[in-house]
Amino acid sequence: MCYETIIARLGKRMPTEKEFLTTDEEGWSVAHWWAMYSKAPVDFPHWTLADQNGWTVAHAAASVGMLPEGFNLWHLRDANGDTVAHAAVRSKKFPIHKFGDKIMNYANSKGVRVWDEIKKVDQSYIDKLKAIVKS
């Protein structure tokens, strides 16, 4: 059964173990999709499952602010070296005040630290506010 068929048939039920591991041709799994739309538990066994680009289930959940309280796999990296923490900051939906110095200093392959991502997000927000005030 293909990835899309499984998702279409799920409804509100949780996928089976076999269904979680079903992928499309790029490695995107039912687990990736499910973690983005359902708050997976902190002990979810598929956080490290990655697609062809190293984008893990944890990255997918972080990108939409769906990581559970107590999540601690911030160090997982994709093919660009971006950690789950980088993805969480970009989502603007994670309380970054919970990151300690170690996580704030995780750097991707371009040397961009999590702290640098926070500065970018903040600057973007400030720029948008300035544009509103000017108009």
Protein backbone atom coordinates (compact mmCIF):
# COMPACT_ATOMS: atom_id res chain seq x y z
CA MET A 1 0.00 0.00 0.00
CA CYS A 2 1.37 3.44 -0.87
CA TYR A 3 2.02 6.35 1.45
CA GLU A 4 -0.86 8.50 0.17
CA THR A 5 -3.37 5.65 0.43
CA ILE A 6 -2.43 5.01 4.04
CA ILE A 7 -2.81 8.68 4.96
CA ALA A 8 -6.17 8.87 3.22
CA ARG A 9 -7.43 5.84 5.15
CA LEU A 10 -6.16 6.85 8.58
CA GLY A 11 -8.91 9.19 9.62
CA LYS A 12 -8.25 9.88 13.30
CA ARG A 13 -6.66 6.57 14.19
CA MET A 14 -2.96 6.19 14.86
CA PRO A 15 -0.99 4.40 12.12
CA THR A 16 0.26 0.88 12.73
CA GLU A 17 3.99 0.24 13.10
CA LYS A 18 4.19 -0.94 9.48
CA GLU A 19 2.23 2.09 8.26
CA PHE A 20 4.50 4.53 10.12
CA LEU A 21 7.47 3.19 8.14
CA THR A 22 5.82 3.39 4.72
CA THR A 23 7.58 6.00 2.55
CA ASP A 24 7.26 7.70 -0.79
CA GLU A 25 10.07 7.67 -3.37
CA GLU A 26 11.91 10.46 -1.52
CA GLY A 27 11.77 8.76 1.85
CA TRP A 28 9.00 10.93 3.30
CA SER A 29 7.15 8.61 5.64
CA VAL A 30 3.75 8.30 7.20
CA ALA A 31 5.59 8.97 10.48
CA HIS A 32 6.78 12.37 9.11
CA TRP A 33 3.25 13.30 8.12
CA TRP A 34 1.65 12.02 11.33
CA ALA A 35 4.11 13.86 13.60
CA MET A 36 3.25 17.13 11.85
CA TYR A 37 -0.48 16.76 12.45
CA SER A 38 -0.67 14.83 15.72
CA LYS A 39 1.31 15.59 18.84
CA ALA A 40 3.52 12.51 19.05
CA PRO A 41 4.64 11.43 22.52
CA VAL A 42 8.16 12.20 23.71
CA ASP A 43 9.02 8.49 23.53
CA PHE A 44 7.82 8.18 19.91
CA PRO A 45 10.12 5.53 18.38
CA HIS A 46 10.41 7.18 14.95
CA TRP A 47 11.86 10.62 15.74
CA THR A 48 15.13 9.68 14.00
CA LEU A 49 13.55 8.26 10.82
CA ALA A 50 14.90 10.41 7.96
CA ASP A 51 14.06 11.04 4.32
CA GLN A 52 16.67 11.26 1.52
CA ASN A 53 17.76 14.70 2.71
CA GLY A 54 18.21 13.67 6.30
CA TRP A 55 15.03 15.50 7.34
CA THR A 56 13.90 13.48 10.34
CA VAL A 57 10.45 13.02 11.75
CA ALA A 58 11.62 15.32 14.54
CA HIS A 59 12.55 18.04 12.01
CA ALA A 60 9.11 17.72 10.43
CA ALA A 61 7.33 18.07 13.78
CA ALA A 62 9.59 20.96 14.83
CA SER A 63 8.93 22.81 11.58
CA VAL A 64 5.26 23.17 12.52
CA GLY A 65 5.64 23.48 16.29
CA MET A 66 4.41 19.97 17.10
CA LEU A 67 7.17 18.68 19.38
CA PRO A 68 6.05 17.44 22.79
CA GLU A 69 7.13 18.82 26.13
CA GLY A 70 10.27 17.00 27.24
CA PHE A 71 11.60 16.39 23.70
CA ASN A 72 15.41 16.20 23.81
CA LEU A 73 16.75 15.13 20.39
CA TRP A 74 17.63 18.69 19.36
CA HIS A 75 21.00 17.56 17.98
CA LEU A 76 19.59 15.50 15.07
CA ARG A 77 20.90 16.91 11.77
CA ASP A 78 19.67 16.91 8.20
CA ALA A 79 21.88 16.86 5.07
CA ASN A 80 22.60 20.60 5.49
CA GLY A 81 23.60 20.15 9.10
CA ASP A 82 20.48 21.90 10.35
CA THR A 83 19.47 20.53 13.71
CA VAL A 84 15.96 20.01 14.98
CA ALA A 85 16.59 23.13 17.08
CA HIS A 86 17.18 25.16 13.88
CA ALA A 87 13.85 23.90 12.50
CA ALA A 88 12.06 24.71 15.76
CA VAL A 89 13.34 28.29 15.75
CA ARG A 90 12.27 28.80 12.14
CA SER A 91 8.77 27.58 12.99
CA LYS A 92 8.40 30.44 15.49
CA LYS A 93 6.24 28.07 17.53
CA PHE A 94 8.65 26.72 20.11
CA PRO A 95 9.49 28.40 23.43
CA ILE A 96 13.18 28.93 22.68
CA HIS A 97 13.77 30.17 26.21
CA LYS A 98 14.01 26.47 27.08
CA PHE A 99 17.21 26.10 25.03
CA GLY A 100 20.43 26.17 27.03
CA ASP A 101 23.84 27.35 25.82
CA LYS A 102 24.70 23.98 24.32
CA ILE A 103 21.66 23.92 22.03
CA MET A 104 21.94 27.65 21.22
CA ASN A 105 25.44 27.00 19.88
CA TYR A 106 24.60 24.06 17.60
CA ALA A 107 25.83 25.12 14.15
CA ASN A 108 24.82 23.83 10.73
CA SER A 109 27.25 23.13 7.87
CA LYS A 110 27.33 26.86 7.00
CA GLY A 111 28.28 27.76 10.56
CA VAL A 112 24.85 29.21 11.36
CA ARG A 113 24.14 28.62 15.02
CA VAL A 114 20.69 28.25 16.53
CA TRP A 115 21.34 31.60 18.21
CA ASP A 116 21.92 33.15 14.74
CA GLU A 117 18.59 31.73 13.54
CA ILE A 118 16.86 33.40 16.48
CA LYS A 119 18.43 36.73 15.53
CA LYS A 120 17.21 36.29 11.92
CA VAL A 121 13.67 35.52 13.06
CA ASP A 122 13.69 38.51 15.43
CA GLN A 123 15.07 40.85 12.73
CA SER A 124 12.45 39.69 10.25
CA TYR A 125 9.73 40.42 12.80
CA ILE A 126 11.18 43.89 13.51
CA ASP A 127 11.39 44.64 9.76
CA LYS A 128 7.73 43.69 9.30
CA LEU A 129 6.71 45.94 12.19
CA LYS A 130 8.69 48.85 10.69
CA ALA A 131 6.93 48.35 7.34
CA ILE A 132 3.54 48.43 9.05
CA VAL A 133 4.41 51.61 10.94
CA LYS A 134 5.64 53.30 7.72
CA SER A 135 2.46 52.50 5.81
